Amino acid sequence: MKYAIRRRILRVNPLPRGKESTGVTKTTSAVGKRSLLNPEQAAAILDWIRRRPRGGKRLHAFFATRYYCGPRPEEAVAMRVEDVTLPEPDAGDQPTTSGASC
């Protein structure tokens, strides 16, 4: 606000007194668990994407890779079949929701 007053964009500070603090707002980098998808929600969204008429299969592969493996978008786009190693079907330490090892 002070900058706008100095540049004559504003005549007076429209904020009430005591609100002109220049202190940094506290933020956190932690992600709340309530904002994440649970496996059922992810499966429903991925199923909805797969059923889209245009590009659904391609987008399903992209978003499923992002959800289950966690690469950056550019890594998911650049991923090829030969880049992926799948576990043996009878491997006991694999999660039940995804058979891919990323």
PDB file of N, CA and C in Angstrom:
ATOM      1  N   MET A   1       0.821  -1.175   0.000  1.00  0.00           N
ATOM      2  CA  MET A   1       0.000   0.000   0.000  1.00  0.00           C
ATOM      3  C   MET A   1       0.874   1.251   0.000  1.00  0.00           C
ATOM      4  N   LYS A   2       1.962   1.199   0.756  1.00  0.00           N
ATOM      5  CA  LYS A   2       2.855   2.354   0.798  1.00  0.00           C
ATOM      6  C   LYS A   2       3.434   2.631  -0.584  1.00  0.00           C
ATOM      7  N   TYR A   3       3.752   1.580  -1.317  1.00  0.00           N
ATOM      8  CA  TYR A   3       4.286   1.733  -2.666  1.00  0.00           C
ATOM      9  C   TYR A   3       3.249   2.410  -3.571  1.00  0.00           C
ATOM     10  N   ALA A   4       1.986   1.986  -3.469  1.00  0.00           N
ATOM     11  CA  ALA A   4       0.929   2.576  -4.283  1.00  0.00           C
ATOM     12  C   ALA A   4       0.705   4.040  -3.923  1.00  0.00           C
ATOM     13  N   ILE A   5       0.841   4.391  -2.663  1.00  0.00           N
ATOM     14  CA  ILE A   5       0.693   5.788  -2.249  1.00  0.00           C
ATOM     15  C   ILE A   5       1.852   6.617  -2.771  1.00  0.00           C
ATOM     16  N   ARG A   6       3.071   6.079  -2.675  1.00  0.00           N
ATOM     17  CA  ARG A   6       4.248   6.800  -3.193  1.00  0.00           C
ATOM     18  C   ARG A   6       4.142   7.026  -4.695  1.00  0.00           C
ATOM     19  N   ARG A   7       3.613   6.042  -5.425  1.00  0.00           N
ATOM     20  CA  ARG A   7       3.483   6.147  -6.885  1.00  0.00           C
ATOM     21  C   ARG A   7       2.236   6.925  -7.300  1.00  0.00           C
ATOM     22  N   ARG A   8       1.484   7.422  -6.311  1.00  0.00           N
ATOM     23  CA  ARG A   8       0.263   8.197  -6.513  1.00  0.00           C
ATOM     24  C   ARG A   8      -0.830   7.395  -7.234  1.00  0.00           C
ATOM     25  N   ILE A   9      -0.844   6.075  -6.984  1.00  0.00           N
ATOM     26  CA  ILE A   9      -1.924   5.233  -7.482  1.00  0.00           C
ATOM     27  C   ILE A   9      -3.091   5.320  -6.507  1.00  0.00           C
ATOM     28  N   LEU A  10      -2.781   5.391  -5.219  1.00  0.00           N
ATOM     29  CA  LEU A  10      -3.777   5.583  -4.167  1.00  0.00           C
ATOM     30  C   LEU A  10      -3.486   6.889  -3.454  1.00  0.00           C
ATOM     31  N   ARG A  11      -4.550   7.525  -2.963  1.00  0.00           N
ATOM     32  CA  ARG A  11      -4.356   8.760  -2.192  1.00  0.00           C
ATOM     33  C   ARG A  11      -4.049   8.441  -0.733  1.00  0.00           C
ATOM     34  N   VAL A  12      -4.814   7.471  -0.190  1.00  0.00           N
ATOM     35  CA  VAL A  12      -4.636   7.084   1.209  1.00  0.00           C
ATOM     36  C   VAL A  12      -4.638   5.571   1.294  1.00  0.00           C
ATOM     37  N   ASN A  13      -4.146   5.072   2.401  1.00  0.00           N
ATOM     38  CA  ASN A  13      -4.129   3.632   2.640  1.00  0.00           C
ATOM     39  C   ASN A  13      -5.547   3.183   2.992  1.00  0.00           C
ATOM     40  N   PRO A  14      -6.168   2.269   2.175  1.00  0.00           N
ATOM     41  CA  PRO A  14      -7.538   1.849   2.455  1.00  0.00           C
ATOM     42  C   PRO A  14      -7.646   0.837   3.602  1.00  0.00           C
ATOM     43  N   LEU A  15      -6.525   0.298   4.050  1.00  0.00           N
ATOM     44  CA  LEU A  15      -6.563  -0.673   5.137  1.00  0.00           C
ATOM     45  C   LEU A  15      -6.720   0.033   6.473  1.00  0.00           C
ATOM     46  N   PRO A  16      -7.436  -0.583   7.412  1.00  0.00           N
ATOM     47  CA  PRO A  16      -7.555   0.022   8.736  1.00  0.00           C
ATOM     48  C   PRO A  16      -6.196   0.055   9.436  1.00  0.00           C
ATOM     49  N   ARG A  17      -6.088   0.931  10.416  1.00  0.00           N
ATOM     50  CA  ARG A  17      -4.818   1.042  11.149  1.00  0.00           C
ATOM     51  C   ARG A  17      -4.441  -0.285  11.773  1.00  0.00           C
ATOM     52  N   GLY A  18      -3.153  -0.583  11.778  1.00  0.00           N
ATOM     53  CA  GLY A  18      -2.661  -1.809  12.360  1.00  0.00           C
ATOM     54  C   GLY A  18      -2.593  -2.952  11.357  1.00  0.00           C
ATOM     55  N   LYS A  19      -3.130  -2.759  10.167  1.00  0.00           N
ATOM     56  CA  LYS A  19      -3.128  -3.814   9.157  1.00  0.00           C
ATOM     57  C   LYS A  19      -2.037  -3.592   8.116  1.00  0.00           C
ATOM     58  N   GLU A  20      -1.170  -2.626   8.326  1.00  0.00           N
ATOM     59  CA  GLU A  20      -0.159  -2.327   7.327  1.00  0.00           C
ATOM     60  C   GLU A  20       1.171  -3.009   7.633  1.00  0.00           C
ATOM     61  N   SER A  21       1.120  -4.078   8.338  1.00  0.00           N
ATOM     62  CA  SER A  21       2.322  -4.815   8.682  1.00  0.00           C
ATOM     63  C   SER A  21       2.969  -5.379   7.424  1.00  0.00           C
ATOM     64  N   THR A  22       4.268  -5.324   7.371  1.00  0.00           N
ATOM     65  CA  THR A  22       5.002  -5.873   6.226  1.00  0.00           C
ATOM     66  C   THR A  22       5.619  -7.211   6.579  1.00  0.00           C
ATOM     67  N   GLY A  23       5.222  -7.782   7.711  1.00  0.00           N
ATOM     68  CA  GLY A  23       5.757  -9.070   8.129  1.00  0.00           C
ATOM     69  C   GLY A  23       5.363 -10.184   7.168  1.00  0.00           C
ATOM     70  N   VAL A  24       6.184 -11.183   7.110  1.00  0.00           N
ATOM     71  CA  VAL A  24       5.942 -12.314   6.233  1.00  0.00           C
ATOM     72  C   VAL A  24       4.846 -13.193   6.836  1.00  0.00           C
ATOM     73  N   THR A  25       3.915 -13.591   6.004  1.00  0.00           N
ATOM     74  CA  THR A  25       2.845 -14.472   6.442  1.00  0.00           C
ATOM     75  C   THR A  25       3.409 -15.868   6.650  1.00  0.00           C
ATOM     76  N   LYS A  26       3.040 -16.493   7.749  1.00  0.00           N
ATOM     77  CA  LYS A  26       3.519 -17.839   8.027  1.00  0.00           C
ATOM     78  C   LYS A  26       2.818 -18.838   7.108  1.00  0.00           C
ATOM     79  N   THR A  27       3.607 -19.677   6.481  1.00  0.00           N
ATOM     80  CA  THR A  27       3.066 -20.740   5.645  1.00  0.00           C
ATOM     81  C   THR A  27       3.731 -22.043   6.029  1.00  0.00           C
ATOM     82  N   THR A  28       3.151 -23.122   5.577  1.00  0.00           N
ATOM     83  CA  THR A  28       3.717 -24.423   5.847  1.00  0.00           C
ATOM     84  C   THR A  28       3.795 -25.197   4.541  1.00  0.00           C
ATOM     85  N   SER A  29       4.772 -26.064   4.422  1.00  0.00           N
ATOM     86  CA  SER A  29       4.902 -26.863   3.212  1.00  0.00           C
ATOM     87  C   SER A  29       4.270 -28.235   3.387  1.00  0.00           C
ATOM     88  N   ALA A  30       3.703 -28.501   4.545  1.00  0.00           N
ATOM     89  CA  ALA A  30       3.076 -29.794   4.789  1.00  0.00           C
ATOM     90  C   ALA A  30       1.725 -29.853   4.072  1.00  0.00           C
ATOM     91  N   VAL A  31       1.395 -31.027   3.564  1.00  0.00           N
ATOM     92  CA  VAL A  31       0.125 -31.244   2.888  1.00  0.00           C
ATOM     93  C   VAL A  31      -0.809 -31.933   3.870  1.00  0.00           C
ATOM     94  N   GLY A  32      -1.994 -31.382   4.027  1.00  0.00           N
ATOM     95  CA  GLY A  32      -2.969 -31.970   4.927  1.00  0.00           C
ATOM     96  C   GLY A  32      -3.510 -33.286   4.383  1.00  0.00           C
ATOM     97  N   LYS A  33      -3.679 -34.272   5.245  1.00  0.00           N
ATOM     98  CA  LYS A  33      -4.176 -35.573   4.810  1.00  0.00           C
ATOM     99  C   LYS A  33      -5.578 -35.479   4.235  1.00  0.00           C
ATOM    100  N   ARG A  34      -6.356 -34.527   4.672  1.00  0.00           N
ATOM    101  CA  ARG A  34      -7.725 -34.385   4.181  1.00  0.00           C
ATOM    102  C   ARG A  34      -7.764 -33.883   2.748  1.00  0.00           C
ATOM    103  N   SER A  35      -6.666 -33.316   2.246  1.00  0.00           N
ATOM    104  CA  SER A  35      -6.649 -32.808   0.879  1.00  0.00           C
ATOM    105  C   SER A  35      -6.118 -33.828  -0.122  1.00  0.00           C
ATOM    106  N   LEU A  36      -5.693 -34.997   0.337  1.00  0.00           N
ATOM    107  CA  LEU A  36      -5.179 -36.031  -0.549  1.00  0.00           C
ATOM    108  C   LEU A  36      -6.288 -36.989  -0.963  1.00  0.00           C
ATOM    109  N   LEU A  37      -6.076 -37.642  -2.104  1.00  0.00           N
ATOM    110  CA  LEU A  37      -7.025 -38.652  -2.563  1.00  0.00           C
ATOM    111  C   LEU A  37      -6.807 -39.950  -1.807  1.00  0.00           C
ATOM    112  N   ASN A  38      -7.895 -40.624  -1.469  1.00  0.00           N
ATOM    113  CA  ASN A  38      -7.745 -41.964  -0.936  1.00  0.00           C
ATOM    114  C   ASN A  38      -7.808 -42.928  -2.122  1.00  0.00           C
ATOM    115  N   PRO A  39      -7.439 -44.199  -1.962  1.00  0.00           N
ATOM    116  CA  PRO A  39      -7.399 -45.124  -3.098  1.00  0.00           C
ATOM    117  C   PRO A  39      -8.736 -45.281  -3.828  1.00  0.00           C
ATOM    118  N   GLU A  40      -9.845 -45.239  -3.114  1.00  0.00           N
ATOM    119  CA  GLU A  40     -11.145 -45.366  -3.764  1.00  0.00           C
ATOM    120  C   GLU A  40     -11.444 -44.150  -4.642  1.00  0.00           C
ATOM    121  N   GLN A  41     -11.128 -42.959  -4.147  1.00  0.00           N
ATOM    122  CA  GLN A  41     -11.340 -41.752  -4.936  1.00  0.00           C
ATOM    123  C   GLN A  41     -10.448 -41.753  -6.175  1.00  0.00           C
ATOM    124  N   ALA A  42      -9.198 -42.151  -6.004  1.00  0.00           N
ATOM    125  CA  ALA A  42      -8.274 -42.189  -7.132  1.00  0.00           C
ATOM    126  C   ALA A  42      -8.758 -43.177  -8.186  1.00  0.00           C
ATOM    127  N   ALA A  43      -9.221 -44.350  -7.767  1.00  0.00           N
ATOM    128  CA  ALA A  43      -9.717 -45.347  -8.712  1.00  0.00           C
ATOM    129  C   ALA A  43     -10.938 -44.820  -9.464  1.00  0.00           C
ATOM    130  N   ALA A  44     -11.833 -44.134  -8.769  1.00  0.00           N
ATOM    131  CA  ALA A  44     -13.033 -43.583  -9.415  1.00  0.00           C
ATOM    132  C   ALA A  44     -12.664 -42.517 -10.438  1.00  0.00           C
ATOM    133  N   ILE A  45     -11.739 -41.644 -10.089  1.00  0.00           N
ATOM    134  CA  ILE A  45     -11.324 -40.591 -11.016  1.00  0.00           C
ATOM    135  C   ILE A  45     -10.609 -41.189 -12.218  1.00  0.00           C
ATOM    136  N   LEU A  46      -9.715 -42.150 -11.978  1.00  0.00           N
ATOM    137  CA  LEU A  46      -8.996 -42.781 -13.082  1.00  0.00           C
ATOM    138  C   LEU A  46      -9.959 -43.535 -14.003  1.00  0.00           C
ATOM    139  N   ASP A  47     -10.984 -44.169 -13.441  1.00  0.00           N
ATOM    140  CA  ASP A  47     -11.983 -44.859 -14.252  1.00  0.00           C
ATOM    141  C   ASP A  47     -12.765 -43.861 -15.098  1.00  0.00           C
ATOM    142  N   TRP A  48     -13.133 -42.734 -14.514  1.00  0.00           N
ATOM    143  CA  TRP A  48     -13.849 -41.693 -15.242  1.00  0.00           C
ATOM    144  C   TRP A  48     -12.992 -41.161 -16.390  1.00  0.00           C
ATOM    145  N   ILE A  49     -11.704 -40.935 -16.133  1.00  0.00           N
ATOM    146  CA  ILE A  49     -10.796 -40.452 -17.177  1.00  0.00           C
ATOM    147  C   ILE A  49     -10.685 -41.471 -18.303  1.00  0.00           C
ATOM    148  N   ARG A  50     -10.550 -42.751 -17.955  1.00  0.00           N
ATOM    149  CA  ARG A  50     -10.387 -43.793 -18.959  1.00  0.00           C
ATOM    150  C   ARG A  50     -11.588 -43.879 -19.889  1.00  0.00           C
ATOM    151  N   ARG A  51     -12.784 -43.572 -19.397  1.00  0.00           N
ATOM    152  CA  ARG A  51     -14.001 -43.674 -20.199  1.00  0.00           C
ATOM    153  C   ARG A  51     -14.245 -42.456 -21.081  1.00  0.00           C
ATOM    154  N   ARG A  52     -13.382 -41.447 -21.023  1.00  0.00           N
ATOM    155  CA  ARG A  52     -13.561 -40.271 -21.869  1.00  0.00           C
ATOM    156  C   ARG A  52     -13.353 -40.681 -23.325  1.00  0.00           C
ATOM    157  N   PRO A  53     -14.186 -40.170 -24.263  1.00  0.00           N
ATOM    158  CA  PRO A  53     -14.088 -40.606 -25.653  1.00  0.00           C
ATOM    159  C   PRO A  53     -12.804 -40.167 -26.369  1.00  0.00           C
ATOM    160  N   ARG A  54     -12.298 -38.988 -26.073  1.00  0.00           N
ATOM    161  CA  ARG A  54     -11.110 -38.512 -26.782  1.00  0.00           C
ATOM    162  C   ARG A  54      -9.923 -38.485 -25.838  1.00  0.00           C
ATOM    163  N   GLY A  55      -8.954 -39.343 -26.079  1.00  0.00           N
ATOM    164  CA  GLY A  55      -7.720 -39.346 -25.305  1.00  0.00           C
ATOM    165  C   GLY A  55      -7.833 -39.954 -23.932  1.00  0.00           C
ATOM    166  N   GLY A  56      -8.927 -40.630 -23.646  1.00  0.00           N
ATOM    167  CA  GLY A  56      -9.130 -41.169 -22.309  1.00  0.00           C
ATOM    168  C   GLY A  56      -8.081 -42.189 -21.903  1.00  0.00           C
ATOM    169  N   LYS A  57      -7.728 -43.101 -22.817  1.00  0.00           N
ATOM    170  CA  LYS A  57      -6.740 -44.128 -22.489  1.00  0.00           C
ATOM    171  C   LYS A  57      -5.363 -43.513 -22.252  1.00  0.00           C
ATOM    172  N   ARG A  58      -5.006 -42.539 -23.079  1.00  0.00           N
ATOM    173  CA  ARG A  58      -3.700 -41.881 -22.930  1.00  0.00           C
ATOM    174  C   ARG A  58      -3.641 -41.090 -21.626  1.00  0.00           C
ATOM    175  N   LEU A  59      -4.699 -40.334 -21.339  1.00  0.00           N
ATOM    176  CA  LEU A  59      -4.728 -39.555 -20.098  1.00  0.00           C
ATOM    177  C   LEU A  59      -4.806 -40.460 -18.874  1.00  0.00           C
ATOM    178  N   HIS A  60      -5.502 -41.591 -19.001  1.00  0.00           N
ATOM    179  CA  HIS A  60      -5.560 -42.553 -17.896  1.00  0.00           C
ATOM    180  C   HIS A  60      -4.157 -43.050 -17.570  1.00  0.00           C
ATOM    181  N   ALA A  61      -3.389 -43.403 -18.591  1.00  0.00           N
ATOM    182  CA  ALA A  61      -2.022 -43.870 -18.361  1.00  0.00           C
ATOM    183  C   ALA A  61      -1.184 -42.782 -17.700  1.00  0.00           C
ATOM    184  N   PHE A  62      -1.337 -41.548 -18.144  1.00  0.00           N
ATOM    185  CA  PHE A  62      -0.568 -40.434 -17.582  1.00  0.00           C
ATOM    186  C   PHE A  62      -0.898 -40.222 -16.105  1.00  0.00           C
ATOM    187  N   PHE A  63      -2.199 -40.093 -15.785  1.00  0.00           N
ATOM    188  CA  PHE A  63      -2.581 -39.800 -14.406  1.00  0.00           C
ATOM    189  C   PHE A  63      -2.389 -41.000 -13.481  1.00  0.00           C
ATOM    190  N   ALA A  64      -2.570 -42.218 -14.000  1.00  0.00           N
ATOM    191  CA  ALA A  64      -2.314 -43.400 -13.173  1.00  0.00           C
ATOM    192  C   ALA A  64      -0.833 -43.488 -12.825  1.00  0.00           C
ATOM    193  N   THR A  65       0.022 -43.179 -13.794  1.00  0.00           N
ATOM    194  CA  THR A  65       1.463 -43.166 -13.521  1.00  0.00           C
ATOM    195  C   THR A  65       1.802 -42.109 -12.489  1.00  0.00           C
ATOM    196  N   ARG A  66       1.197 -40.935 -12.610  1.00  0.00           N
ATOM    197  CA  ARG A  66       1.450 -39.865 -11.634  1.00  0.00           C
ATOM    198  C   ARG A  66       0.978 -40.267 -10.241  1.00  0.00           C
ATOM    199  N   TYR A  67      -0.194 -40.913 -10.153  1.00  0.00           N
ATOM    200  CA  TYR A  67      -0.737 -41.272  -8.846  1.00  0.00           C
ATOM    201  C   TYR A  67       0.055 -42.409  -8.198  1.00  0.00           C
ATOM    202  N   TYR A  68       0.292 -43.480  -8.938  1.00  0.00           N
ATOM    203  CA  TYR A  68       0.904 -44.670  -8.342  1.00  0.00           C
ATOM    204  C   TYR A  68       2.420 -44.573  -8.214  1.00  0.00           C
ATOM    205  N   CYS A  69       3.081 -43.848  -9.112  1.00  0.00           N
ATOM    206  CA  CYS A  69       4.552 -43.804  -9.100  1.00  0.00           C
ATOM    207  C   CYS A  69       5.111 -42.470  -8.631  1.00  0.00           C
ATOM    208  N   GLY A  70       4.388 -41.391  -8.859  1.00  0.00           N
ATOM    209  CA  GLY A  70       4.803 -40.085  -8.371  1.00  0.00           C
ATOM    210  C   GLY A  70       5.876 -39.364  -9.154  1.00  0.00           C
ATOM    211  N   PRO A  71       6.036 -39.602 -10.468  1.00  0.00           N
ATOM    212  CA  PRO A  71       7.043 -38.818 -11.186  1.00  0.00           C
ATOM    213  C   PRO A  71       6.532 -37.413 -11.468  1.00  0.00           C
ATOM    214  N   ARG A  72       7.445 -36.533 -11.840  1.00  0.00           N
ATOM    215  CA  ARG A  72       7.045 -35.202 -12.290  1.00  0.00           C
ATOM    216  C   ARG A  72       6.339 -35.358 -13.636  1.00  0.00           C
ATOM    217  N   PRO A  73       5.524 -34.381 -14.046  1.00  0.00           N
ATOM    218  CA  PRO A  73       4.787 -34.519 -15.309  1.00  0.00           C
ATOM    219  C   PRO A  73       5.692 -34.800 -16.510  1.00  0.00           C
ATOM    220  N   GLU A  74       6.808 -34.110 -16.606  1.00  0.00           N
ATOM    221  CA  GLU A  74       7.689 -34.317 -17.757  1.00  0.00           C
ATOM    222  C   GLU A  74       8.327 -35.709 -17.739  1.00  0.00           C
ATOM    223  N   GLU A  75       8.537 -36.259 -16.556  1.00  0.00           N
ATOM    224  CA  GLU A  75       9.058 -37.625 -16.459  1.00  0.00           C
ATOM    225  C   GLU A  75       7.995 -38.642 -16.876  1.00  0.00           C
ATOM    226  N   ALA A  76       6.749 -38.398 -16.501  1.00  0.00           N
ATOM    227  CA  ALA A  76       5.665 -39.311 -16.881  1.00  0.00           C
ATOM    228  C   ALA A  76       5.451 -39.302 -18.387  1.00  0.00           C
ATOM    229  N   VAL A  77       5.556 -38.133 -19.014  1.00  0.00           N
ATOM    230  CA  VAL A  77       5.382 -38.035 -20.460  1.00  0.00           C
ATOM    231  C   VAL A  77       6.518 -38.741 -21.185  1.00  0.00           C
ATOM    232  N   ALA A  78       7.733 -38.639 -20.670  1.00  0.00           N
ATOM    233  CA  ALA A  78       8.902 -39.234 -21.330  1.00  0.00           C
ATOM    234  C   ALA A  78       9.044 -40.732 -21.058  1.00  0.00           C
ATOM    235  N   MET A  79       8.255 -41.285 -20.139  1.00  0.00           N
ATOM    236  CA  MET A  79       8.389 -42.698 -19.774  1.00  0.00           C
ATOM    237  C   MET A  79       7.949 -43.604 -20.921  1.00  0.00           C
ATOM    238  N   ARG A  80       8.748 -44.638 -21.173  1.00  0.00           N
ATOM    239  CA  ARG A  80       8.453 -45.629 -22.210  1.00  0.00           C
ATOM    240  C   ARG A  80       8.305 -47.001 -21.569  1.00  0.00           C
ATOM    241  N   VAL A  81       7.758 -47.944 -22.314  1.00  0.00           N
ATOM    242  CA  VAL A  81       7.527 -49.296 -21.798  1.00  0.00           C
ATOM    243  C   VAL A  81       8.834 -49.912 -21.319  1.00  0.00           C
ATOM    244  N   GLU A  82       9.907 -49.706 -22.057  1.00  0.00           N
ATOM    245  CA  GLU A  82      11.186 -50.309 -21.665  1.00  0.00           C
ATOM    246  C   GLU A  82      11.792 -49.667 -20.413  1.00  0.00           C
ATOM    247  N   ASP A  83      11.254 -48.537 -19.972  1.00  0.00           N
ATOM    248  CA  ASP A  83      11.738 -47.878 -18.756  1.00  0.00           C
ATOM    249  C   ASP A  83      11.125 -48.468 -17.483  1.00  0.00           C
ATOM    250  N   VAL A  84      10.077 -49.277 -17.617  1.00  0.00           N
ATOM    251  CA  VAL A  84       9.329 -49.773 -16.463  1.00  0.00           C
ATOM    252  C   VAL A  84       9.713 -51.221 -16.181  1.00  0.00           C
ATOM    253  N   THR A  85       9.930 -51.528 -14.911  1.00  0.00           N
ATOM    254  CA  THR A  85      10.201 -52.889 -14.476  1.00  0.00           C
ATOM    255  C   THR A  85       9.015 -53.368 -13.649  1.00  0.00           C
ATOM    256  N   LEU A  86       8.368 -54.421 -14.118  1.00  0.00           N
ATOM    257  CA  LEU A  86       7.225 -54.964 -13.397  1.00  0.00           C
ATOM    258  C   LEU A  86       7.677 -56.116 -12.514  1.00  0.00           C
ATOM    259  N   PRO A  87       7.115 -56.233 -11.328  1.00  0.00           N
ATOM    260  CA  PRO A  87       7.477 -57.343 -10.441  1.00  0.00           C
ATOM    261  C   PRO A  87       6.846 -58.646 -10.921  1.00  0.00           C
ATOM    262  N   GLU A  88       7.328 -59.724 -10.401  1.00  0.00           N
ATOM    263  CA  GLU A  88       6.727 -61.025 -10.692  1.00  0.00           C
ATOM    264  C   GLU A  88       5.306 -61.047 -10.135  1.00  0.00           C
ATOM    265  N   PRO A  89       4.369 -61.730 -10.806  1.00  0.00           N
ATOM    266  CA  PRO A  89       2.982 -61.747 -10.328  1.00  0.00           C
ATOM    267  C   PRO A  89       2.827 -62.319  -8.922  1.00  0.00           C
ATOM    268  N   ASP A  90       3.698 -63.232  -8.518  1.00  0.00           N
ATOM    269  CA  ASP A  90       3.566 -63.853  -7.200  1.00  0.00           C
ATOM    270  C   ASP A  90       4.430 -63.193  -6.131  1.00  0.00           C
ATOM    271  N   ALA A  91       4.963 -62.013  -6.414  1.00  0.00           N
ATOM    272  CA  ALA A  91       5.787 -61.309  -5.433  1.00  0.00           C
ATOM    273  C   ALA A  91       4.913 -60.910  -4.247  1.00  0.00           C
ATOM    274  N   GLY A  92       5.313 -61.306  -3.053  1.00  0.00           N
ATOM    275  CA  GLY A  92       4.502 -61.091  -1.862  1.00  0.00           C
ATOM    276  C   GLY A  92       4.558 -59.688  -1.295  1.00  0.00           C
ATOM    277  N   ASP A  93       5.565 -58.913  -1.656  1.00  0.00           N
ATOM    278  CA  ASP A  93       5.714 -57.586  -1.050  1.00  0.00           C
ATOM    279  C   ASP A  93       5.081 -56.479  -1.879  1.00  0.00           C
ATOM    280  N   GLN A  94       4.253 -56.805  -2.849  1.00  0.00           N
ATOM    281  CA  GLN A  94       3.651 -55.803  -3.724  1.00  0.00           C
ATOM    282  C   GLN A  94       2.300 -55.375  -3.189  1.00  0.00           C
ATOM    283  N   PRO A  95       1.957 -54.105  -3.324  1.00  0.00           N
ATOM    284  CA  PRO A  95       0.636 -53.644  -2.896  1.00  0.00           C
ATOM    285  C   PRO A  95      -0.454 -54.262  -3.751  1.00  0.00           C
ATOM    286  N   THR A  96      -1.639 -54.362  -3.208  1.00  0.00           N
ATOM    287  CA  THR A  96      -2.735 -54.996  -3.940  1.00  0.00           C
ATOM    288  C   THR A  96      -3.375 -54.065  -4.947  1.00  0.00           C
ATOM    289  N   THR A  97      -3.184 -52.724  -4.826  1.00  0.00           N
ATOM    290  CA  THR A  97      -3.842 -51.790  -5.740  1.00  0.00           C
ATOM    291  C   THR A  97      -3.064 -51.573  -7.007  1.00  0.00           C
ATOM    292  N   SER A  98      -1.765 -51.817  -7.020  1.00  0.00           N
ATOM    293  CA  SER A  98      -0.967 -51.575  -8.199  1.00  0.00           C
ATOM    294  C   SER A  98       0.101 -52.643  -8.316  1.00  0.00           C
ATOM    295  N   GLY A  99       0.264 -53.178  -9.504  1.00  0.00           N
ATOM    296  CA  GLY A  99       1.285 -54.194  -9.706  1.00  0.00           C
ATOM    297  C   GLY A  99       2.569 -53.624 -10.269  1.00  0.00           C
ATOM    298  N   ALA A 100       2.601 -52.333 -10.590  1.00  0.00           N
ATOM    299  CA  ALA A 100       3.778 -51.754 -11.211  1.00  0.00           C
ATOM    300  C   ALA A 100       4.780 -51.282 -10.170  1.00  0.00           C
ATOM    301  N   SER A 101       6.033 -51.441 -10.508  1.00  0.00           N
ATOM    302  CA  SER A 101       7.097 -50.935  -9.651  1.00  0.00           C
ATOM    303  C   SER A 101       7.739 -49.759 -10.363  1.00  0.00           C
ATOM    304  N   CYS A 102       7.718 -48.615  -9.723  1.00  0.00           N
ATOM    305  CA  CYS A 102       8.200 -47.410 -10.391  1.00  0.00           C
ATOM    306  C   CYS A 102       9.475 -46.912  -9.761  1.00  0.00           C
TER     307      CYS A 102
END
